[in-house]
Amino acid sequence: MFLSHLRNALGVRGVKRVTLHERMTALRRIAIVTVEKGTPRTEIWRALAGASSFKADCGKICIAVNEDIDPDNSDAILWAVAFRMDPSTDLQVLNYRSPGHGPEREHEADREDATLLMDATMKEDLPPLALPKQEYMERARKVWEELGLPKLRPQSPWFSSPAGADWPPQWDAAAKRAASGRYLENGRVSEKQRRKGLKPETRFRPDNKK
């Protein structure tokens, strides 16, 4: 109920969900704001500011992510922070926050705290996670279970979803070759695309888009 009130109170277009981290942080310190892909940056920052100020004891650290990131999976959140957040433009520190309830540091009893806001959303169309598509992972799980191997405990995300992502058709063709045992052909295709005289990290696309 509290989370639905918080989401409604933000009143920001594009906000789909607000999640509070509980383990060891007692549902107070860390808030994850899930927004639709393409939400204007102004709205993302409004949502982060609103989540951080909704209650005095909540939202010390607020992170905005897109819907492809599971807000209950800290690994997924850290992945978004690592690859979608530029500290020079996507991070804000707001001073003058009450430290609230929590472990006390005796030598800093009167110290004020601060708020950290992070925009870890996609700023452009990006490739999906470097994982096989769901159809291949489902097939692999079936084979695994048929062989009687130890029980699997998949954690989200355990497959890639190309929907809405920058996913050229050449990748689907390469996956089909690999799954049918023709993986060596993929190596030959890559070899034909080698070029001399390029600088490291030169942008390359198999579909020739710049």
N, C-alpha and C. Protein backbone atom coordinates (compact mmCIF):
# COMPACT_ATOMS: atom_id res chain seq x y z
N MET A 1 0.82 -1.19 0.00
CA MET A 1 0.00 0.00 0.00
C MET A 1 0.87 1.26 0.00
N PHE A 2 1.92 1.24 0.82
CA PHE A 2 2.80 2.40 0.88
C PHE A 2 3.43 2.68 -0.48
N LEU A 3 3.87 1.62 -1.17
CA LEU A 3 4.52 1.81 -2.46
C LEU A 3 3.55 2.36 -3.50
N SER A 4 2.29 1.91 -3.47
CA SER A 4 1.32 2.45 -4.42
C SER A 4 1.05 3.92 -4.13
N HIS A 5 0.99 4.28 -2.85
CA HIS A 5 0.81 5.69 -2.50
C HIS A 5 2.01 6.52 -2.99
N LEU A 6 3.20 5.97 -2.83
CA LEU A 6 4.40 6.68 -3.26
C LEU A 6 4.38 6.87 -4.77
N ARG A 7 4.08 5.81 -5.51
CA ARG A 7 4.05 5.93 -6.97
C ARG A 7 3.02 6.95 -7.41
N ASN A 8 1.82 6.92 -6.80
CA ASN A 8 0.78 7.87 -7.17
C ASN A 8 1.16 9.30 -6.77
N ALA A 9 1.84 9.42 -5.63
CA ALA A 9 2.21 10.75 -5.16
C ALA A 9 3.23 11.42 -6.06
N LEU A 10 4.06 10.62 -6.73
CA LEU A 10 5.08 11.20 -7.60
C LEU A 10 4.42 11.96 -8.75
N GLY A 11 3.34 11.43 -9.28
CA GLY A 11 2.62 12.12 -10.34
C GLY A 11 3.48 12.39 -11.57
N VAL A 12 4.39 11.48 -11.88
CA VAL A 12 5.32 11.68 -12.98
C VAL A 12 4.97 10.72 -14.11
N ARG A 13 4.83 11.26 -15.30
CA ARG A 13 4.53 10.43 -16.46
C ARG A 13 5.66 9.46 -16.73
N GLY A 14 5.31 8.19 -16.93
CA GLY A 14 6.30 7.18 -17.27
C GLY A 14 6.73 6.32 -16.10
N VAL A 15 6.40 6.70 -14.87
CA VAL A 15 6.77 5.88 -13.72
C VAL A 15 5.85 4.67 -13.66
N LYS A 16 6.43 3.47 -13.65
CA LYS A 16 5.65 2.24 -13.63
C LYS A 16 5.64 1.56 -12.27
N ARG A 17 6.70 1.79 -11.49
CA ARG A 17 6.81 1.04 -10.24
C ARG A 17 7.85 1.70 -9.34
N VAL A 18 7.63 1.62 -8.04
CA VAL A 18 8.63 2.05 -7.06
C VAL A 18 8.88 0.89 -6.12
N THR A 19 10.14 0.53 -5.95
CA THR A 19 10.52 -0.61 -5.13
C THR A 19 11.49 -0.15 -4.06
N LEU A 20 11.25 -0.58 -2.83
CA LEU A 20 12.16 -0.26 -1.74
C LEU A 20 12.98 -1.50 -1.38
N HIS A 21 14.28 -1.32 -1.28
CA HIS A 21 15.15 -2.43 -0.91
C HIS A 21 15.01 -2.70 0.58
N GLU A 22 14.87 -3.97 0.94
CA GLU A 22 14.60 -4.31 2.34
C GLU A 22 15.78 -4.95 3.05
N ARG A 23 16.47 -5.87 2.41
CA ARG A 23 17.50 -6.63 3.10
C ARG A 23 18.57 -5.71 3.67
N MET A 24 18.69 -5.68 4.97
CA MET A 24 19.69 -4.91 5.70
C MET A 24 19.48 -3.40 5.65
N THR A 25 18.55 -2.90 4.83
CA THR A 25 18.32 -1.45 4.76
C THR A 25 16.93 -1.06 5.24
N ALA A 26 16.12 -2.05 5.67
CA ALA A 26 14.87 -1.81 6.38
C ALA A 26 13.87 -0.96 5.59
N LEU A 27 13.81 -1.14 4.29
CA LEU A 27 12.81 -0.47 3.45
C LEU A 27 12.88 1.05 3.50
N ARG A 28 14.02 1.60 3.89
CA ARG A 28 14.09 3.04 4.04
C ARG A 28 15.14 3.69 3.14
N ARG A 29 16.31 3.11 3.09
CA ARG A 29 17.45 3.82 2.53
C ARG A 29 17.50 3.83 1.00
N ILE A 30 17.10 2.75 0.36
CA ILE A 30 17.31 2.61 -1.09
C ILE A 30 15.97 2.43 -1.80
N ALA A 31 15.71 3.27 -2.79
CA ALA A 31 14.48 3.20 -3.58
C ALA A 31 14.83 3.04 -5.06
N ILE A 32 14.15 2.13 -5.72
CA ILE A 32 14.34 1.91 -7.15
C ILE A 32 13.08 2.38 -7.87
N VAL A 33 13.23 3.34 -8.78
CA VAL A 33 12.10 3.89 -9.53
C VAL A 33 12.17 3.33 -10.96
N THR A 34 11.16 2.55 -11.33
CA THR A 34 11.12 1.95 -12.66
C THR A 34 10.32 2.85 -13.59
N VAL A 35 10.92 3.24 -14.71
CA VAL A 35 10.25 4.14 -15.66
C VAL A 35 10.24 3.51 -17.05
N GLU A 36 9.28 3.92 -17.85
CA GLU A 36 9.20 3.43 -19.22
C GLU A 36 10.41 3.89 -20.02
N LYS A 37 10.79 3.07 -20.98
CA LYS A 37 11.84 3.47 -21.91
C LYS A 37 11.37 4.69 -22.70
N GLY A 38 12.23 5.69 -22.83
CA GLY A 38 11.87 6.89 -23.56
C GLY A 38 11.27 7.98 -22.70
N THR A 39 11.15 7.75 -21.39
CA THR A 39 10.65 8.80 -20.50
C THR A 39 11.60 9.99 -20.54
N PRO A 40 11.10 11.21 -20.71
CA PRO A 40 12.00 12.38 -20.77
C PRO A 40 12.89 12.47 -19.53
N ARG A 41 14.10 12.94 -19.75
CA ARG A 41 15.05 13.06 -18.64
C ARG A 41 14.50 13.97 -17.54
N THR A 42 13.78 15.01 -17.94
CA THR A 42 13.22 15.90 -16.93
C THR A 42 12.27 15.16 -15.99
N GLU A 43 11.49 14.23 -16.55
CA GLU A 43 10.55 13.46 -15.74
C GLU A 43 11.28 12.45 -14.86
N ILE A 44 12.37 11.89 -15.37
CA ILE A 44 13.14 10.93 -14.57
C ILE A 44 13.70 11.62 -13.33
N TRP A 45 14.26 12.82 -13.51
CA TRP A 45 14.83 13.53 -12.36
C TRP A 45 13.73 14.01 -11.41
N ARG A 46 12.57 14.34 -11.93
CA ARG A 46 11.46 14.71 -11.06
C ARG A 46 11.03 13.51 -10.21
N ALA A 47 11.00 12.34 -10.84
CA ALA A 47 10.61 11.13 -10.11
C ALA A 47 11.63 10.80 -9.02
N LEU A 48 12.91 10.93 -9.34
CA LEU A 48 13.95 10.64 -8.34
C LEU A 48 13.86 11.63 -7.18
N ALA A 49 13.68 12.90 -7.50
CA ALA A 49 13.57 13.91 -6.44
C ALA A 49 12.34 13.67 -5.57
N GLY A 50 11.24 13.27 -6.21
CA GLY A 50 10.03 13.00 -5.46
C GLY A 50 10.17 11.80 -4.54
N ALA A 51 10.81 10.73 -5.05
CA ALA A 51 11.00 9.54 -4.23
C ALA A 51 11.91 9.81 -3.04
N SER A 52 12.88 10.69 -3.24
CA SER A 52 13.83 10.98 -2.15
C SER A 52 13.24 11.88 -1.07
N SER A 53 12.17 12.60 -1.40
CA SER A 53 11.60 13.56 -0.45
C SER A 53 10.20 13.19 0.01
N PHE A 54 9.70 12.04 -0.41
CA PHE A 54 8.33 11.63 -0.05
C PHE A 54 8.19 11.46 1.46
N LYS A 55 9.18 10.84 2.11
CA LYS A 55 9.21 10.72 3.56
C LYS A 55 10.64 10.97 4.02
N ALA A 56 10.77 11.58 5.18
CA ALA A 56 12.11 11.97 5.65
C ALA A 56 13.04 10.79 5.85
N ASP A 57 12.48 9.61 6.16
CA ASP A 57 13.35 8.48 6.46
C ASP A 57 13.49 7.52 5.29
N CYS A 58 13.01 7.90 4.12
CA CYS A 58 13.09 7.02 2.95
C CYS A 58 13.82 7.71 1.80
N GLY A 59 14.50 6.90 0.98
CA GLY A 59 15.05 7.42 -0.26
C GLY A 59 16.37 8.13 -0.15
N LYS A 60 17.25 7.66 0.73
CA LYS A 60 18.59 8.26 0.77
C LYS A 60 19.32 8.03 -0.55
N ILE A 61 19.15 6.84 -1.12
CA ILE A 61 19.73 6.50 -2.43
C ILE A 61 18.58 6.11 -3.35
N CYS A 62 18.39 6.85 -4.43
CA CYS A 62 17.30 6.59 -5.38
C CYS A 62 17.90 6.34 -6.76
N ILE A 63 17.49 5.24 -7.38
CA ILE A 63 18.04 4.83 -8.67
C ILE A 63 16.90 4.63 -9.65
N ALA A 64 16.98 5.25 -10.81
CA ALA A 64 15.99 5.07 -11.87
C ALA A 64 16.47 4.02 -12.85
N VAL A 65 15.62 3.04 -13.18
CA VAL A 65 15.94 1.99 -14.14
C VAL A 65 14.77 1.83 -15.09
N ASN A 66 15.00 1.09 -16.17
CA ASN A 66 13.93 0.78 -17.11
C ASN A 66 13.27 -0.55 -16.76
N GLU A 67 12.21 -0.88 -17.48
CA GLU A 67 11.41 -2.06 -17.15
C GLU A 67 12.11 -3.38 -17.41
N ASP A 68 13.22 -3.36 -18.15
CA ASP A 68 13.94 -4.61 -18.39
C ASP A 68 14.84 -4.98 -17.21
N ILE A 69 14.93 -4.12 -16.21
CA ILE A 69 15.74 -4.38 -15.03
C ILE A 69 14.82 -4.80 -13.88
N ASP A 70 15.10 -5.95 -13.28
CA ASP A 70 14.32 -6.45 -12.15
C ASP A 70 14.73 -5.68 -10.90
N PRO A 71 13.85 -4.83 -10.35
CA PRO A 71 14.24 -4.03 -9.19
C PRO A 71 14.47 -4.83 -7.92
N ASP A 72 14.04 -6.10 -7.92
CA ASP A 72 14.27 -6.96 -6.77
C ASP A 72 15.57 -7.75 -6.88
N ASN A 73 16.30 -7.55 -7.96
CA ASN A 73 17.55 -8.26 -8.19
C ASN A 73 18.70 -7.26 -8.13
N SER A 74 19.47 -7.31 -7.05
CA SER A 74 20.55 -6.34 -6.88
C SER A 74 21.61 -6.49 -7.96
N ASP A 75 21.81 -7.70 -8.49
CA ASP A 75 22.77 -7.89 -9.58
C ASP A 75 22.33 -7.11 -10.81
N ALA A 76 21.04 -7.16 -11.14
CA ALA A 76 20.53 -6.44 -12.30
C ALA A 76 20.66 -4.93 -12.10
N ILE A 77 20.40 -4.47 -10.88
CA ILE A 77 20.51 -3.04 -10.60
C ILE A 77 21.95 -2.57 -10.76
N LEU A 78 22.89 -3.34 -10.20
CA LEU A 78 24.30 -2.96 -10.32
C LEU A 78 24.76 -3.01 -11.77
N TRP A 79 24.21 -3.93 -12.56
CA TRP A 79 24.54 -3.99 -13.99
C TRP A 79 24.09 -2.70 -14.68
N ALA A 80 22.87 -2.24 -14.36
CA ALA A 80 22.37 -1.00 -14.95
C ALA A 80 23.23 0.19 -14.53
N VAL A 81 23.61 0.23 -13.27
CA VAL A 81 24.46 1.32 -12.79
C VAL A 81 25.82 1.29 -13.50
N ALA A 82 26.36 0.09 -13.68
CA ALA A 82 27.69 -0.04 -14.28
C ALA A 82 27.71 0.34 -15.76
N PHE A 83 26.64 0.04 -16.49
CA PHE A 83 26.67 0.20 -17.94
C PHE A 83 25.75 1.30 -18.48
N ARG A 84 24.84 1.83 -17.66
CA ARG A 84 23.91 2.83 -18.16
C ARG A 84 24.00 4.16 -17.42
N MET A 85 24.87 4.26 -16.46
CA MET A 85 24.97 5.48 -15.66
C MET A 85 26.34 6.11 -15.84
N ASP A 86 26.37 7.35 -16.32
CA ASP A 86 27.60 8.13 -16.45
C ASP A 86 27.70 9.04 -15.24
N PRO A 87 28.66 8.82 -14.34
CA PRO A 87 28.74 9.63 -13.12
C PRO A 87 28.83 11.13 -13.37
N SER A 88 29.32 11.53 -14.53
CA SER A 88 29.48 12.97 -14.79
C SER A 88 28.16 13.65 -15.15
N THR A 89 27.18 12.89 -15.62
CA THR A 89 25.91 13.49 -16.05
C THR A 89 24.68 12.84 -15.43
N ASP A 90 24.80 11.64 -14.90
CA ASP A 90 23.64 10.88 -14.45
C ASP A 90 23.62 10.69 -12.93
N LEU A 91 24.31 11.52 -12.22
CA LEU A 91 24.40 11.39 -10.76
C LEU A 91 24.29 12.77 -10.11
N GLN A 92 23.49 12.86 -9.06
CA GLN A 92 23.35 14.09 -8.29
C GLN A 92 23.45 13.79 -6.81
N VAL A 93 24.14 14.64 -6.08
CA VAL A 93 24.22 14.55 -4.63
C VAL A 93 23.56 15.79 -4.04
N LEU A 94 22.55 15.58 -3.20
CA LEU A 94 21.81 16.68 -2.58
C LEU A 94 22.18 16.74 -1.10
N ASN A 95 22.67 17.86 -0.66
CA ASN A 95 23.09 18.01 0.73
C ASN A 95 21.91 18.26 1.67
N TYR A 96 22.21 18.27 2.97
CA TYR A 96 21.27 18.65 4.02
C TYR A 96 20.11 17.67 4.16
N ARG A 97 20.45 16.42 4.38
CA ARG A 97 19.45 15.40 4.67
C ARG A 97 19.63 14.94 6.12
N SER A 98 18.53 14.75 6.81
CA SER A 98 18.60 14.22 8.17
C SER A 98 19.12 12.79 8.13
N PRO A 99 20.05 12.43 9.02
CA PRO A 99 20.57 11.06 9.01
C PRO A 99 19.52 10.02 9.38
N GLY A 100 18.44 10.41 10.04
CA GLY A 100 17.37 9.48 10.37
C GLY A 100 17.80 8.41 11.36
N HIS A 101 17.02 7.34 11.42
CA HIS A 101 17.30 6.26 12.36
C HIS A 101 18.31 5.30 11.74
N GLY A 102 19.19 4.75 12.57
CA GLY A 102 20.16 3.80 12.07
C GLY A 102 21.38 3.76 12.96
N PRO A 103 22.36 2.99 12.59
CA PRO A 103 23.59 2.92 13.39
C PRO A 103 24.19 4.31 13.58
N GLU A 104 24.50 4.63 14.80
CA GLU A 104 25.06 5.94 15.12
C GLU A 104 26.59 5.92 15.06
N ARG A 105 27.16 7.00 14.53
CA ARG A 105 28.60 7.20 14.58
C ARG A 105 28.86 8.27 15.64
N GLU A 106 29.35 7.83 16.80
CA GLU A 106 29.39 8.69 17.98
C GLU A 106 30.19 9.97 17.75
N HIS A 107 31.28 9.88 16.97
CA HIS A 107 32.11 11.07 16.79
C HIS A 107 31.49 12.03 15.79
N GLU A 108 30.35 11.64 15.15
CA GLU A 108 29.68 12.51 14.19
C GLU A 108 28.19 12.59 14.53
N ALA A 109 27.88 12.71 15.81
CA ALA A 109 26.49 12.64 16.24
C ALA A 109 25.62 13.73 15.62
N ASP A 110 26.18 14.89 15.38
CA ASP A 110 25.40 16.00 14.85
C ASP A 110 25.57 16.18 13.34
N ARG A 111 26.17 15.23 12.70
CA ARG A 111 26.46 15.36 11.28
C ARG A 111 25.19 15.22 10.44
N GLU A 112 25.09 16.03 9.39
CA GLU A 112 23.99 15.90 8.43
C GLU A 112 24.35 14.86 7.38
N ASP A 113 23.32 14.31 6.76
CA ASP A 113 23.52 13.31 5.72
C ASP A 113 23.26 13.94 4.36
N ALA A 114 23.25 13.15 3.31
CA ALA A 114 23.00 13.64 1.96
C ALA A 114 22.18 12.60 1.19
N THR A 115 21.69 13.01 0.03
CA THR A 115 20.88 12.16 -0.83
C THR A 115 21.63 11.90 -2.13
N LEU A 116 21.56 10.67 -2.63
CA LEU A 116 22.21 10.30 -3.89
C LEU A 116 21.15 9.87 -4.89
N LEU A 117 21.11 10.55 -6.03
CA LEU A 117 20.17 10.23 -7.11
C LEU A 117 20.96 9.75 -8.32
N MET A 118 20.50 8.66 -8.93
CA MET A 118 21.19 8.09 -10.09
C MET A 118 20.20 7.75 -11.19
N ASP A 119 20.51 8.17 -12.39
CA ASP A 119 19.72 7.82 -13.57
C ASP A 119 20.44 6.69 -14.29
N ALA A 120 20.00 5.45 -14.05
CA ALA A 120 20.61 4.28 -14.69
C ALA A 120 19.70 3.71 -15.76
N THR A 121 19.00 4.61 -16.47
CA THR A 121 18.13 4.20 -17.57
C THR A 121 18.89 4.22 -18.89
N MET A 122 18.27 3.61 -19.91
CA MET A 122 18.85 3.64 -21.26
C MET A 122 18.72 5.04 -21.85
N LYS A 123 19.80 5.56 -22.38
CA LYS A 123 19.77 6.88 -23.01
C LYS A 123 19.59 6.77 -24.54
N GLU A 124 19.65 5.56 -25.06
CA GLU A 124 19.48 5.29 -26.48
C GLU A 124 19.15 3.82 -26.63
N ASP A 125 18.85 3.39 -27.85
CA ASP A 125 18.63 1.96 -28.09
C ASP A 125 19.94 1.23 -27.86
N LEU A 126 19.91 0.22 -27.01
CA LEU A 126 21.10 -0.53 -26.66
C LEU A 126 20.88 -2.02 -26.93
N PRO A 127 21.96 -2.76 -27.15
CA PRO A 127 21.81 -4.21 -27.26
C PRO A 127 21.26 -4.78 -25.96
N PRO A 128 20.54 -5.89 -26.03
CA PRO A 128 20.03 -6.52 -24.81
C PRO A 128 21.17 -7.19 -24.04
N LEU A 129 20.84 -7.80 -22.92
CA LEU A 129 21.85 -8.51 -22.14
C LEU A 129 22.52 -9.57 -22.99
N ALA A 130 23.80 -9.81 -22.73
CA ALA A 130 24.57 -10.78 -23.50
C ALA A 130 24.24 -12.19 -23.04
N LEU A 131 22.99 -12.59 -23.27
CA LEU A 131 22.51 -13.92 -22.93
C LEU A 131 21.71 -14.46 -24.11
N PRO A 132 21.61 -15.79 -24.26
CA PRO A 132 20.78 -16.36 -25.32
C PRO A 132 19.31 -15.99 -25.13
N LYS A 133 18.54 -16.03 -26.21
CA LYS A 133 17.12 -15.74 -26.13
C LYS A 133 16.40 -16.83 -25.33
N GLN A 134 15.17 -16.53 -24.95
CA GLN A 134 14.42 -17.43 -24.07
C GLN A 134 14.26 -18.82 -24.67
N GLU A 135 14.03 -18.92 -25.97
CA GLU A 135 13.80 -20.22 -26.58
C GLU A 135 14.99 -21.15 -26.41
N TYR A 136 16.21 -20.60 -26.46
CA TYR A 136 17.40 -21.43 -26.30
C TYR A 136 17.62 -21.80 -24.83
N MET A 137 17.34 -20.87 -23.93
CA MET A 137 17.52 -21.17 -22.51
C MET A 137 16.48 -22.18 -22.02
N GLU A 138 15.25 -22.07 -22.52
CA GLU A 138 14.22 -23.04 -22.15
C GLU A 138 14.60 -24.44 -22.64
N ARG A 139 15.12 -24.51 -23.86
CA ARG A 139 15.54 -25.80 -24.41
C ARG A 139 16.71 -26.37 -23.60
N ALA A 140 17.66 -25.51 -23.21
CA ALA A 140 18.80 -25.96 -22.41
C ALA A 140 18.33 -26.48 -21.06
N ARG A 141 17.34 -25.81 -20.45
CA ARG A 141 16.84 -26.28 -19.16
C ARG A 141 16.16 -27.64 -19.30
N LYS A 142 15.42 -27.83 -20.39
CA LYS A 142 14.76 -29.11 -20.61
C LYS A 142 15.79 -30.24 -20.74
N VAL A 143 16.83 -30.00 -21.52
CA VAL A 143 17.88 -31.01 -21.68
C VAL A 143 18.55 -31.29 -20.34
N TRP A 144 18.82 -30.24 -19.58
CA TRP A 144 19.45 -30.37 -18.26
C TRP A 144 18.61 -31.28 -17.35
N GLU A 145 17.30 -31.03 -17.33
CA GLU A 145 16.42 -31.81 -16.47
C GLU A 145 16.30 -33.25 -16.97
N GLU A 146 16.29 -33.46 -18.29
CA GLU A 146 16.22 -34.81 -18.83
C GLU A 146 17.44 -35.64 -18.45
N LEU A 147 18.57 -34.97 -18.29
CA LEU A 147 19.80 -35.67 -17.91
C LEU A 147 19.88 -35.93 -16.40
N GLY A 148 18.90 -35.44 -15.65
CA GLY A 148 18.89 -35.66 -14.22
C GLY A 148 19.98 -34.92 -13.46
N LEU A 149 20.39 -33.79 -13.97
CA LEU A 149 21.43 -33.00 -13.31
C LEU A 149 20.83 -32.23 -12.12
N PRO A 150 21.67 -31.67 -11.23
CA PRO A 150 21.15 -30.96 -10.05
C PRO A 150 20.13 -29.90 -10.42
N LYS A 151 19.16 -29.68 -9.53
CA LYS A 151 18.07 -28.75 -9.78
C LYS A 151 18.59 -27.35 -10.04
N LEU A 152 18.06 -26.73 -11.10
CA LEU A 152 18.45 -25.37 -11.45
C LEU A 152 17.63 -24.36 -10.63
N ARG A 153 18.24 -23.25 -10.35
CA ARG A 153 17.56 -22.15 -9.67
C ARG A 153 17.80 -20.86 -10.45
N PRO A 154 17.11 -20.70 -11.59
CA PRO A 154 17.34 -19.52 -12.44
C PRO A 154 17.05 -18.23 -11.68
N GLN A 155 17.89 -17.23 -11.89
CA GLN A 155 17.69 -15.91 -11.33
C GLN A 155 17.50 -14.92 -12.46
N SER A 156 16.55 -14.03 -12.29
CA SER A 156 16.28 -13.02 -13.31
C SER A 156 17.42 -12.00 -13.36
N PRO A 157 17.86 -11.67 -14.61
CA PRO A 157 17.44 -12.21 -15.89
C PRO A 157 18.26 -13.45 -16.25
N TRP A 158 17.59 -14.48 -16.73
CA TRP A 158 18.33 -15.68 -17.12
C TRP A 158 18.23 -15.95 -18.63
N PHE A 159 17.60 -15.01 -19.35
CA PHE A 159 17.63 -15.05 -20.82
C PHE A 159 17.53 -13.62 -21.32
N SER A 160 17.86 -13.44 -22.60
CA SER A 160 17.85 -12.10 -23.18
C SER A 160 16.54 -11.87 -23.91
N SER A 161 16.06 -10.64 -23.88
CA SER A 161 14.84 -10.28 -24.58
C SER A 161 15.16 -9.18 -25.58
N PRO A 162 15.18 -9.51 -26.89
CA PRO A 162 15.53 -8.49 -27.89
C PRO A 162 14.42 -7.52 -28.21
N ALA A 163 13.22 -7.74 -27.64
CA ALA A 163 12.10 -6.85 -27.95
C ALA A 163 12.44 -5.41 -27.56
N GLY A 164 12.37 -4.52 -28.53
CA GLY A 164 12.65 -3.12 -28.27
C GLY A 164 14.11 -2.78 -28.13
N ALA A 165 14.99 -3.74 -28.35
CA ALA A 165 16.43 -3.52 -28.20
C ALA A 165 17.08 -3.41 -29.58
N ASP A 166 18.32 -2.98 -29.57
CA ASP A 166 19.10 -2.86 -30.80
C ASP A 166 19.64 -4.26 -31.13
N TRP A 167 18.88 -5.00 -31.92
CA TRP A 167 19.16 -6.42 -32.15
C TRP A 167 19.15 -6.69 -33.66
N PRO A 168 20.29 -6.67 -34.33
CA PRO A 168 20.32 -6.91 -35.78
C PRO A 168 19.99 -8.36 -36.12
N PRO A 169 19.40 -8.61 -37.29
CA PRO A 169 19.01 -9.98 -37.67
C PRO A 169 20.20 -10.92 -37.79
N GLN A 170 21.40 -10.38 -38.01
CA GLN A 170 22.58 -11.24 -38.12
C GLN A 170 22.81 -12.04 -36.83
N TRP A 171 22.40 -11.48 -35.69
CA TRP A 171 22.59 -12.20 -34.43
C TRP A 171 21.67 -13.41 -34.35
N ASP A 172 20.43 -13.27 -34.86
CA ASP A 172 19.52 -14.42 -34.89
C ASP A 172 20.07 -15.52 -35.79
N ALA A 173 20.61 -15.11 -36.94
CA ALA A 173 21.17 -16.10 -37.86
C ALA A 173 22.36 -16.82 -37.23
N ALA A 174 23.20 -16.09 -36.51
CA ALA A 174 24.35 -16.71 -35.85
C ALA A 174 23.90 -17.67 -34.76
N ALA A 175 22.86 -17.31 -34.02
CA ALA A 175 22.35 -18.19 -32.96
C ALA A 175 21.81 -19.49 -33.54
N LYS A 176 21.09 -19.40 -34.66
CA LYS A 176 20.54 -20.60 -35.29
C LYS A 176 21.65 -21.51 -35.80
N ARG A 177 22.70 -20.92 -36.35
CA ARG A 177 23.82 -21.75 -36.81
C ARG A 177 24.48 -22.47 -35.63
N ALA A 178 24.68 -21.74 -34.53
CA ALA A 178 25.33 -22.34 -33.37
C ALA A 178 24.48 -23.46 -32.78
N ALA A 179 23.15 -23.22 -32.69
CA ALA A 179 22.27 -24.22 -32.09
C ALA A 179 22.16 -25.48 -32.94
N SER A 180 22.39 -25.35 -34.24
CA SER A 180 22.32 -26.51 -35.13
C SER A 180 23.68 -27.17 -35.33
N GLY A 181 24.67 -26.77 -34.57
CA GLY A 181 25.99 -27.39 -34.65
C GLY A 181 26.91 -26.78 -35.68
N ARG A 182 26.50 -25.68 -36.32
CA ARG A 182 27.32 -25.04 -37.36
C ARG A 182 28.04 -23.82 -36.80
N TYR A 183 28.51 -23.95 -35.57
CA TYR A 183 29.14 -22.81 -34.90
C TYR A 183 30.43 -22.37 -35.57
N LEU A 184 31.13 -23.29 -36.26
CA LEU A 184 32.36 -22.91 -36.94
C LEU A 184 32.09 -21.89 -38.05
N GLU A 185 30.89 -21.96 -38.64
CA GLU A 185 30.54 -20.99 -39.67
C GLU A 185 30.50 -19.57 -39.11
N ASN A 186 30.10 -19.45 -37.85
CA ASN A 186 30.09 -18.13 -37.23
C ASN A 186 31.49 -17.54 -37.18
N GLY A 187 32.46 -18.39 -36.87
CA GLY A 187 33.84 -17.93 -36.86
C GLY A 187 34.31 -17.48 -38.24
N ARG A 188 33.88 -18.20 -39.27
CA ARG A 188 34.28 -17.82 -40.63
C ARG A 188 33.62 -16.49 -41.03
N VAL A 189 32.37 -16.30 -40.63
CA VAL A 189 31.69 -15.04 -40.92
C VAL A 189 32.43 -13.89 -40.24
N SER A 190 32.79 -14.07 -38.98
CA SER A 190 33.52 -13.02 -38.25
C SER A 190 34.87 -12.75 -38.89
N GLU A 191 35.53 -13.80 -39.37
CA GLU A 191 36.86 -13.62 -39.98
C GLU A 191 36.77 -12.75 -41.23
N LYS A 192 35.69 -12.89 -42.00
CA LYS A 192 35.53 -12.11 -43.22
C LYS A 192 35.29 -10.63 -42.91
N GLN A 193 34.90 -10.32 -41.69
CA GLN A 193 34.62 -8.94 -41.32
C GLN A 193 35.82 -8.23 -40.71
N ARG A 194 36.95 -8.90 -40.64
CA ARG A 194 38.15 -8.28 -40.08
C ARG A 194 38.66 -7.16 -41.00
N ARG A 195 39.12 -6.07 -40.38
CA ARG A 195 39.64 -4.94 -41.13
C ARG A 195 40.96 -4.49 -40.50
N LYS A 196 41.87 -4.04 -41.36
CA LYS A 196 43.15 -3.55 -40.86
C LYS A 196 43.10 -2.04 -40.64
N GLY A 197 43.99 -1.56 -39.78
CA GLY A 197 44.15 -0.14 -39.58
C GLY A 197 43.08 0.55 -38.76
N LEU A 198 42.28 -0.21 -38.03
CA LEU A 198 41.22 0.39 -37.21
C LEU A 198 41.74 0.64 -35.79
N LYS A 199 41.26 1.72 -35.20
CA LYS A 199 41.61 2.01 -33.82
C LYS A 199 40.81 1.12 -32.88
N PRO A 200 41.35 0.84 -31.70
CA PRO A 200 40.58 0.06 -30.72
C PRO A 200 39.24 0.71 -30.42
N GLU A 201 38.21 -0.12 -30.24
CA GLU A 201 36.85 0.31 -29.92
C GLU A 201 36.17 1.08 -31.05
N THR A 202 36.64 0.88 -32.28
CA THR A 202 35.95 1.46 -33.43
C THR A 202 34.56 0.83 -33.55
N ARG A 203 33.54 1.66 -33.71
CA ARG A 203 32.17 1.17 -33.79
C ARG A 203 31.99 0.31 -35.04
N PHE A 204 31.36 -0.84 -34.87
CA PHE A 204 31.10 -1.74 -36.01
C PHE A 204 29.72 -2.37 -35.85
N ARG A 205 29.01 -2.45 -36.96
CA ARG A 205 27.72 -3.12 -36.98
C ARG A 205 27.68 -4.08 -38.15
N PRO A 206 27.18 -5.30 -37.92
CA PRO A 206 27.08 -6.25 -39.03
C PRO A 206 26.07 -5.87 -40.09
N ASP A 207 25.14 -4.96 -39.73
CA ASP A 207 24.12 -4.54 -40.72
C ASP A 207 24.53 -3.21 -41.37
N ASN A 208 25.79 -2.78 -41.13
CA ASN A 208 26.37 -1.60 -41.77
C ASN A 208 25.75 -0.28 -41.33
N LYS A 209 25.00 -0.27 -40.21
CA LYS A 209 24.52 1.00 -39.69
C LYS A 209 25.66 1.72 -39.00
N LYS A 210 25.69 3.05 -39.08
CA LYS A 210 26.74 3.82 -38.45
C LYS A 210 26.37 4.15 -37.01
